[in-house]
Amino acid sequence: MTRPPHAPDDHPSVAHGRVAVLLSNLGTPDAPDAKSVKRYLGQFLSDRRVVEIPPIAWQPILRGIILNTRPKKSAEAYAKVWGEDGSPLAAITAEQTRLLQQRLGEGVRVEYAMRYGNPDLGEAVARLKEDGFDRILLAPLYPQYCSATTATAVDAANAALAAMRWQPSLRTLPPYYDDPLYIAALADDLERQIAALSFAPEMLLLSFHGMPQRTLELGDPYHCHCRKTARLLWDELGPRLKGMEMRVAFQSRFGRAKWLEPATDATLERVAKAGTRRLAIAAPGFSADCLETREELAMQGREQFMEAGGEQFAALDCLNASPSGMDMLEALVRRELSGWL
C-alpha cells in the first residue's frame, strides 16, 4: 500500500503496481453430488457462448428437462474420478499454479480460477485489482481457440473490468495450438508415456473435445486448430514411433445436432472391429486431466474398444503438471509477461 507523493495525510492508501498471472480453466462442481452438479451445469449450459440456441427456446429445455435428469448421472461419473483433493481438474490446476509460482518467483503472483464454479474467474480479477495487481496476464489453458472456451473466459474477465472505475491492464495468453513449445512438450511427454507401457500400441488416437459442426461453419477456428496440432505433433512424434498409426477424433457429443467428426466412441469401435488390437488414446486439447479424460476416455473408451474386439488399451495422461508441461507453461507465460517483469 502506497500513498501518492505530497498527498494529504488523510489521503487513502492505494495498492498498485503489482503483476499477476491468472490461470483459467473450464470448471468443476464443488462436490460429486447431484445438487452441486446441477448448480454447475446450470451455469455452464446457460452461457450463450456454449449453447447458442436463443434462451427463450433453450431455458425451458434446460430447466425443465436437462437439469432434472442429467445431474444425477453426471454426479455418478464425477464420483468415479473424485479424489481426496477434489476433482482432477481442480487438483491439477492448483498444482500447476503452485509450481508456476515457484518458477516465476516473488516478482509475480500466480493464481487460478474457473469459468464455471469456484474459484470464480470474475471475482478473481476483481480481487487481484483490489490487492494492487494492476497488470494481469489472463492465461486460458486452452491450446486451441474456441469461442466456447477461450472467448467466454475473456468475456468473464472483461465483465469484471466493466464494473471497475480503475481497471487493471489485462493481457491474454494467445492460443498456442501450433507453438513449437507446445508441440515439443506434447511429443516428449507422449513418447515417455508410450515407452513406459507394457505393450506396443498399433495406433495412437488423438481425441479432442467436440463442438457442433455449426460452429465451424460460422467461422470458429477450433476444428482447424485441432487438425493443425495433430499434424504438427505427428510430424514430430511419428518418426519416433515407427510402425504406429495416428488418427484424430472428437469426443463428448451432446444433443441431436451434428457435431465434428469422426466421433471418438465410433472410432474406437470401428478400428477395433477392423483389426486394431492395441491402442493408446491421448487428449492433447486438455491442459489437465478431468472428467472427460479420466471417465469418458479412460473408462468408457476402454469398454467401447474392448467390447468391439480390442485387447490392450491405455489412456495417456494430459501434460498436467509434468516437467514437460511446466517447462512449456513457464516459457509461454514469461514470453507474454515481457516488459512487465
Protein backbone atom coordinates (compact mmCIF):
# COMPACT_ATOMS: atom_id res chain seq x y z
CA MET A 1 0.00 0.00 0.00
CA THR A 2 1.47 3.34 -1.01
CA ARG A 3 0.39 6.98 -0.69
CA PRO A 4 0.99 9.36 -3.63
CA PRO A 5 3.94 11.75 -3.01
CA HIS A 6 2.91 15.03 -1.36
CA ALA A 7 -0.60 13.66 -0.75
CA PRO A 8 -2.56 14.94 2.26
CA ASP A 9 -2.22 12.88 5.41
CA ASP A 10 -5.83 11.77 5.11
CA HIS A 11 -5.46 10.59 1.50
CA PRO A 12 -6.41 6.87 1.28
CA SER A 13 -3.61 4.42 0.59
CA VAL A 14 -3.99 2.60 -2.72
CA ALA A 15 -2.37 -0.69 -3.61
CA HIS A 16 -0.97 -0.70 -7.13
CA GLY A 17 1.99 -1.59 -9.35
CA ARG A 18 1.98 -5.38 -8.98
CA VAL A 19 1.91 -8.12 -11.65
CA ALA A 20 -0.24 -11.27 -11.59
CA VAL A 21 -0.82 -14.34 -13.72
CA LEU A 22 -4.32 -15.80 -13.61
CA LEU A 23 -4.55 -19.33 -14.97
CA SER A 24 -8.05 -20.16 -16.16
CA ASN A 25 -9.76 -23.44 -16.93
CA LEU A 26 -13.32 -24.54 -17.61
CA GLY A 27 -14.53 -25.52 -14.17
CA THR A 28 -15.88 -28.25 -11.97
CA PRO A 29 -18.70 -28.81 -9.48
CA ASP A 30 -17.85 -28.31 -5.82
CA ALA A 31 -18.69 -31.92 -4.97
CA PRO A 32 -19.64 -35.14 -6.79
CA ASP A 33 -23.31 -34.93 -5.85
CA ALA A 34 -26.42 -34.09 -7.85
CA LYS A 35 -27.03 -30.74 -6.14
CA SER A 36 -23.51 -29.44 -6.86
CA VAL A 37 -23.54 -30.79 -10.42
CA LYS A 38 -26.93 -29.21 -11.08
CA ARG A 39 -25.63 -25.81 -9.97
CA TYR A 40 -22.52 -26.21 -12.12
CA LEU A 41 -24.39 -27.38 -15.21
CA GLY A 42 -26.94 -24.61 -14.80
CA GLN A 43 -24.18 -22.02 -15.03
CA PHE A 44 -22.26 -23.80 -17.79
CA LEU A 45 -25.22 -24.55 -20.05
CA SER A 46 -26.67 -21.06 -19.63
CA ASP A 47 -23.62 -19.47 -21.25
CA ARG A 48 -24.60 -18.16 -24.68
CA ARG A 49 -21.09 -18.97 -25.91
CA VAL A 50 -21.66 -22.64 -25.03
CA VAL A 51 -25.26 -23.07 -26.16
CA GLU A 52 -26.16 -20.68 -28.95
CA ILE A 53 -29.87 -21.53 -29.02
CA PRO A 54 -31.97 -18.45 -28.12
CA PRO A 55 -32.68 -18.50 -24.36
CA ILE A 56 -36.44 -18.30 -24.90
CA ALA A 57 -36.25 -21.71 -26.56
CA TRP A 58 -33.32 -23.21 -24.63
CA GLN A 59 -34.02 -22.30 -20.99
CA PRO A 60 -37.31 -24.28 -20.73
CA ILE A 61 -35.47 -27.35 -22.04
CA LEU A 62 -32.53 -26.75 -19.70
CA ARG A 63 -34.59 -26.03 -16.58
CA GLY A 64 -37.46 -28.39 -17.31
CA ILE A 65 -35.62 -31.46 -18.59
CA ILE A 66 -31.81 -31.43 -18.55
CA LEU A 67 -31.25 -30.10 -15.02
CA ASN A 68 -33.80 -32.57 -13.68
CA THR A 69 -32.31 -35.63 -15.35
CA ARG A 70 -28.61 -35.18 -16.11
CA PRO A 71 -27.10 -34.10 -12.72
CA LYS A 72 -27.58 -37.49 -11.05
CA LYS A 73 -25.90 -39.36 -13.90
CA SER A 74 -23.08 -36.82 -14.15
CA ALA A 75 -22.56 -36.91 -10.38
CA GLU A 76 -22.07 -40.68 -10.57
CA ALA A 77 -19.41 -40.14 -13.25
CA TYR A 78 -17.65 -37.46 -11.17
CA ALA A 79 -17.65 -39.78 -8.15
CA LYS A 80 -15.59 -42.31 -10.13
CA VAL A 81 -12.70 -39.86 -10.58
CA TRP A 82 -13.01 -37.67 -7.46
CA GLY A 83 -10.01 -37.68 -5.14
CA GLU A 84 -9.22 -36.53 -1.63
CA ASP A 85 -8.20 -33.15 -3.05
CA GLY A 86 -11.34 -32.80 -5.17
CA SER A 87 -11.89 -33.18 -8.89
CA PRO A 88 -8.86 -33.97 -11.06
CA LEU A 89 -9.20 -30.66 -12.92
CA ALA A 90 -9.22 -28.57 -9.75
CA ALA A 91 -6.39 -30.51 -8.11
CA ILE A 92 -4.14 -30.44 -11.19
CA THR A 93 -4.78 -26.76 -11.92
CA ALA A 94 -3.93 -25.94 -8.31
CA GLU A 95 -0.67 -27.90 -8.66
CA GLN A 96 0.18 -26.13 -11.94
CA THR A 97 -0.39 -22.83 -10.13
CA ARG A 98 1.85 -23.80 -7.22
CA LEU A 99 4.69 -24.96 -9.44
CA LEU A 100 4.47 -21.95 -11.75
CA GLN A 101 4.62 -19.66 -8.72
CA GLN A 102 7.83 -21.37 -7.65
CA ARG A 103 9.31 -20.94 -11.11
CA LEU A 104 8.37 -17.27 -11.52
CA GLY A 105 9.36 -16.21 -8.02
CA GLU A 106 8.21 -13.35 -5.83
CA GLY A 107 8.01 -10.74 -8.59
CA VAL A 108 4.63 -12.02 -9.75
CA ARG A 109 1.63 -13.66 -8.11
CA VAL A 110 0.14 -16.75 -9.74
CA GLU A 111 -3.46 -17.69 -9.09
CA TYR A 112 -6.06 -19.80 -10.85
CA ALA A 113 -9.79 -19.51 -11.43
CA MET A 114 -12.56 -21.35 -13.22
CA ARG A 115 -15.01 -20.01 -15.77
CA TYR A 116 -17.79 -22.02 -14.12
CA GLY A 117 -17.87 -22.97 -10.47
CA ASN A 118 -15.19 -21.99 -7.96
CA PRO A 119 -12.90 -20.11 -7.68
CA ASP A 120 -14.88 -17.70 -9.84
CA LEU A 121 -12.96 -16.02 -12.67
CA GLY A 122 -14.60 -12.60 -12.45
CA GLU A 123 -14.22 -12.49 -8.69
CA ALA A 124 -10.53 -13.42 -9.02
CA VAL A 125 -9.90 -10.50 -11.40
CA ALA A 126 -11.66 -8.08 -9.04
CA ARG A 127 -9.76 -9.38 -6.00
CA LEU A 128 -6.40 -9.08 -7.74
CA LYS A 129 -7.13 -5.47 -8.62
CA GLU A 130 -8.11 -4.72 -5.03
CA ASP A 131 -4.82 -6.25 -3.89
CA GLY A 132 -2.83 -3.90 -6.11
CA PHE A 133 -2.27 -6.08 -9.18
CA ASP A 134 -2.89 -3.61 -11.96
CA ARG A 135 -1.14 -5.73 -14.60
CA ILE A 136 -2.79 -9.11 -15.06
CA LEU A 137 -1.97 -11.83 -17.58
CA LEU A 138 -5.05 -13.97 -18.10
CA ALA A 139 -3.95 -17.41 -19.27
CA PRO A 140 -6.83 -19.54 -20.56
CA LEU A 141 -5.36 -23.04 -20.59
CA TYR A 142 -6.88 -24.00 -23.95
CA PRO A 143 -4.25 -24.64 -26.64
CA GLN A 144 -6.84 -24.46 -29.43
CA TYR A 145 -9.03 -21.35 -29.62
CA CYS A 146 -12.77 -21.88 -29.33
CA SER A 147 -15.44 -19.30 -28.62
CA ALA A 148 -17.00 -21.67 -26.07
CA THR A 149 -13.77 -21.85 -24.05
CA THR A 150 -11.23 -19.09 -24.71
CA ALA A 151 -13.70 -16.36 -25.64
CA THR A 152 -16.03 -16.95 -22.72
CA ALA A 153 -13.11 -16.75 -20.28
CA VAL A 154 -12.17 -13.37 -21.76
CA ASP A 155 -15.84 -12.35 -21.56
CA ALA A 156 -15.90 -13.09 -17.83
CA ALA A 157 -12.70 -11.14 -17.20
CA ASN A 158 -13.98 -8.17 -19.19
CA ALA A 159 -17.29 -8.25 -17.35
CA ALA A 160 -15.32 -7.82 -14.12
CA LEU A 161 -13.41 -4.89 -15.65
CA ALA A 162 -16.68 -3.28 -16.77
CA ALA A 163 -17.69 -2.89 -13.13
CA MET A 164 -14.47 -1.08 -12.18
CA ARG A 165 -13.71 2.63 -12.22
CA TRP A 166 -9.95 1.97 -12.16
CA GLN A 167 -9.26 -1.00 -14.39
CA PRO A 168 -6.07 -3.06 -14.41
CA SER A 169 -4.20 -3.64 -17.66
CA LEU A 170 -5.18 -7.05 -18.97
CA ARG A 171 -3.25 -9.26 -21.35
CA THR A 172 -4.49 -12.62 -22.64
CA LEU A 173 -2.30 -15.62 -23.41
CA PRO A 174 -2.90 -16.39 -27.10
CA PRO A 175 -3.92 -19.89 -28.20
CA TYR A 176 -0.80 -21.99 -28.60
CA TYR A 177 -2.06 -24.87 -30.75
CA ASP A 178 0.90 -24.62 -33.17
CA ASP A 179 3.53 -23.17 -30.87
CA PRO A 180 6.79 -25.16 -31.08
CA LEU A 181 6.96 -25.16 -27.27
CA TYR A 182 3.59 -26.92 -27.04
CA ILE A 183 4.26 -29.39 -29.84
CA ALA A 184 7.64 -30.33 -28.35
CA ALA A 185 6.17 -30.74 -24.87
CA LEU A 186 3.39 -33.00 -26.19
CA ALA A 187 5.78 -35.08 -28.26
CA ASP A 188 8.25 -35.59 -25.42
CA ASP A 189 5.59 -36.41 -22.84
CA LEU A 190 3.62 -38.80 -25.05
CA GLU A 191 6.80 -40.57 -26.15
CA ARG A 192 7.74 -41.03 -22.49
CA GLN A 193 4.35 -42.43 -21.57
CA ILE A 194 4.14 -44.77 -24.54
CA ALA A 195 7.64 -46.12 -23.81
CA ALA A 196 6.51 -46.95 -20.26
CA LEU A 197 3.55 -49.06 -21.38
CA SER A 198 3.63 -52.83 -21.05
CA PHE A 199 2.62 -53.18 -24.70
CA ALA A 200 3.41 -51.51 -28.02
CA PRO A 201 0.32 -49.71 -29.37
CA GLU A 202 -0.55 -50.18 -33.02
CA MET A 203 -2.44 -46.89 -33.01
CA LEU A 204 -2.36 -43.57 -31.21
CA LEU A 205 -5.79 -41.92 -31.21
CA LEU A 206 -5.81 -38.18 -30.51
CA SER A 207 -9.17 -37.23 -29.04
CA PHE A 208 -10.16 -33.56 -28.95
CA HIS A 209 -13.29 -32.23 -27.29
CA GLY A 210 -16.09 -31.99 -29.82
CA MET A 211 -18.10 -28.96 -30.89
CA PRO A 212 -21.23 -28.67 -33.03
CA GLN A 213 -20.47 -28.68 -36.76
CA ARG A 214 -22.32 -25.36 -36.95
CA THR A 215 -19.52 -23.59 -35.05
CA LEU A 216 -17.06 -24.48 -37.82
CA GLU A 217 -19.47 -23.23 -40.47
CA LEU A 218 -19.87 -19.94 -38.57
CA GLY A 219 -16.11 -19.36 -38.63
CA ASP A 220 -14.83 -20.71 -35.31
CA PRO A 221 -11.20 -21.82 -35.92
CA TYR A 222 -11.31 -24.62 -33.32
CA HIS A 223 -11.53 -27.52 -35.77
CA CYS A 224 -8.67 -26.15 -37.86
CA HIS A 225 -6.55 -25.59 -34.76
CA CYS A 226 -7.11 -29.19 -33.62
CA ARG A 227 -6.19 -30.56 -37.01
CA LYS A 228 -3.03 -28.47 -37.20
CA THR A 229 -1.99 -29.55 -33.70
CA ALA A 230 -2.40 -33.18 -34.74
CA ARG A 231 -0.43 -32.71 -37.95
CA LEU A 232 2.47 -30.89 -36.29
CA LEU A 233 2.52 -33.37 -33.41
CA TRP A 234 2.73 -36.32 -35.75
CA ASP A 235 5.45 -34.64 -37.79
CA GLU A 236 7.45 -34.51 -34.55
CA LEU A 237 6.35 -37.74 -32.91
CA GLY A 238 5.71 -40.06 -35.84
CA PRO A 239 9.38 -40.73 -36.69
CA ARG A 240 9.97 -41.72 -33.06
CA LEU A 241 7.07 -44.20 -33.06
CA LYS A 242 7.79 -46.13 -36.22
CA GLY A 243 5.11 -48.56 -37.26
CA MET A 244 2.39 -46.82 -35.27
CA GLU A 245 -0.65 -45.22 -36.89
CA MET A 246 -2.21 -41.97 -35.69
CA ARG A 247 -5.82 -40.85 -36.02
CA VAL A 248 -7.89 -37.89 -34.83
CA ALA A 249 -11.39 -37.93 -33.34
CA PHE A 250 -13.75 -35.67 -31.37
CA GLN A 251 -15.45 -36.68 -28.14
CA SER A 252 -18.34 -35.63 -25.87
CA ARG A 253 -21.21 -35.35 -28.31
CA PHE A 254 -24.36 -33.87 -26.77
CA GLY A 255 -27.85 -33.39 -28.17
CA ARG A 256 -29.20 -34.07 -31.66
CA ALA A 257 -27.20 -31.55 -33.66
CA LYS A 258 -24.42 -32.70 -35.99
CA TRP A 259 -21.03 -32.50 -34.26
CA LEU A 260 -17.46 -32.53 -35.54
CA GLU A 261 -16.46 -35.91 -36.88
CA PRO A 262 -15.22 -38.55 -36.63
CA ALA A 263 -16.60 -39.23 -33.16
CA THR A 264 -14.24 -40.80 -30.63
CA ASP A 265 -16.63 -43.52 -29.46
CA ALA A 266 -17.47 -44.55 -33.02
CA THR A 267 -13.79 -44.50 -33.98
CA LEU A 268 -12.82 -46.77 -31.08
CA GLU A 269 -15.42 -49.31 -32.13
CA ARG A 270 -14.59 -49.05 -35.83
CA VAL A 271 -10.82 -49.53 -35.52
CA ALA A 272 -11.23 -52.43 -33.12
CA LYS A 273 -13.62 -54.19 -35.50
CA ALA A 274 -11.18 -53.50 -38.34
CA GLY A 275 -8.41 -55.39 -36.54
CA THR A 276 -6.58 -52.92 -34.25
CA ARG A 277 -5.86 -54.82 -31.04
CA ARG A 278 -3.53 -52.47 -29.15
CA LEU A 279 -4.38 -48.78 -28.82
CA ALA A 280 -3.30 -45.73 -26.83
CA ILE A 281 -5.50 -42.65 -26.60
CA ALA A 282 -4.40 -39.11 -25.74
CA ALA A 283 -6.28 -35.82 -25.33
CA PRO A 284 -3.86 -33.05 -26.38
CA GLY A 285 -6.54 -30.34 -26.26
CA PHE A 286 -6.89 -30.67 -22.48
CA SER A 287 -4.23 -28.99 -20.35
CA ALA A 288 -5.24 -31.08 -17.31
CA ASP A 289 -6.97 -34.40 -16.83
CA CYS A 290 -10.65 -34.10 -16.00
CA LEU A 291 -13.94 -35.97 -16.19
CA GLU A 292 -13.73 -36.10 -19.98
CA THR A 293 -10.35 -37.83 -19.93
CA ARG A 294 -10.45 -39.98 -16.81
CA GLU A 295 -14.03 -41.20 -17.06
CA GLU A 296 -15.14 -40.72 -20.66
CA LEU A 297 -11.87 -41.83 -22.30
CA ALA A 298 -10.11 -44.00 -19.73
CA MET A 299 -13.22 -45.87 -18.56
CA GLN A 300 -15.93 -45.62 -21.22
CA GLY A 301 -13.38 -45.61 -24.02
CA ARG A 302 -11.70 -48.74 -22.73
CA GLU A 303 -15.03 -50.53 -22.52
CA GLN A 304 -16.02 -49.49 -26.05
CA PHE A 305 -12.69 -50.62 -27.51
CA MET A 306 -12.59 -53.95 -25.68
CA GLU A 307 -16.20 -54.86 -26.46
CA ALA A 308 -15.52 -54.24 -30.16
CA GLY A 309 -12.57 -56.67 -30.18
CA GLY A 310 -9.64 -54.70 -28.79
CA GLU A 311 -7.19 -56.40 -26.44
CA GLN A 312 -4.91 -53.75 -24.90
CA PHE A 313 -5.83 -50.14 -24.22
CA ALA A 314 -4.09 -47.23 -22.50
CA ALA A 315 -5.41 -43.74 -21.76
CA LEU A 316 -2.40 -41.43 -21.60
CA ASP A 317 -2.21 -38.51 -19.19
CA CYS A 318 -2.53 -34.89 -20.28
CA LEU A 319 0.50 -32.63 -19.81
CA ASN A 320 -0.81 -31.74 -16.35
CA ALA A 321 1.99 -30.62 -14.03
CA SER A 322 4.61 -32.83 -15.69
CA PRO A 323 8.10 -31.41 -16.20
CA SER A 324 7.44 -31.07 -19.94
CA GLY A 325 4.12 -29.35 -19.30
CA MET A 326 5.51 -26.96 -16.72
CA ASP A 327 8.55 -26.07 -18.85
CA MET A 328 6.18 -25.17 -21.66
CA LEU A 329 3.79 -23.19 -19.44
CA GLU A 330 6.61 -21.23 -17.83
CA ALA A 331 8.10 -20.34 -21.21
CA LEU A 332 4.74 -19.24 -22.65
CA VAL A 333 3.92 -17.12 -19.60
CA ARG A 334 7.36 -15.48 -19.43
CA ARG A 335 7.07 -14.56 -23.09
CA GLU A 336 3.69 -12.89 -22.56
CA LEU A 337 4.94 -11.08 -19.45
CA SER A 338 7.70 -9.40 -21.45
CA GLY A 339 8.06 -5.78 -20.40
CA TRP A 340 6.13 -6.31 -17.17
CA LEU A 341 8.69 -8.24 -15.15
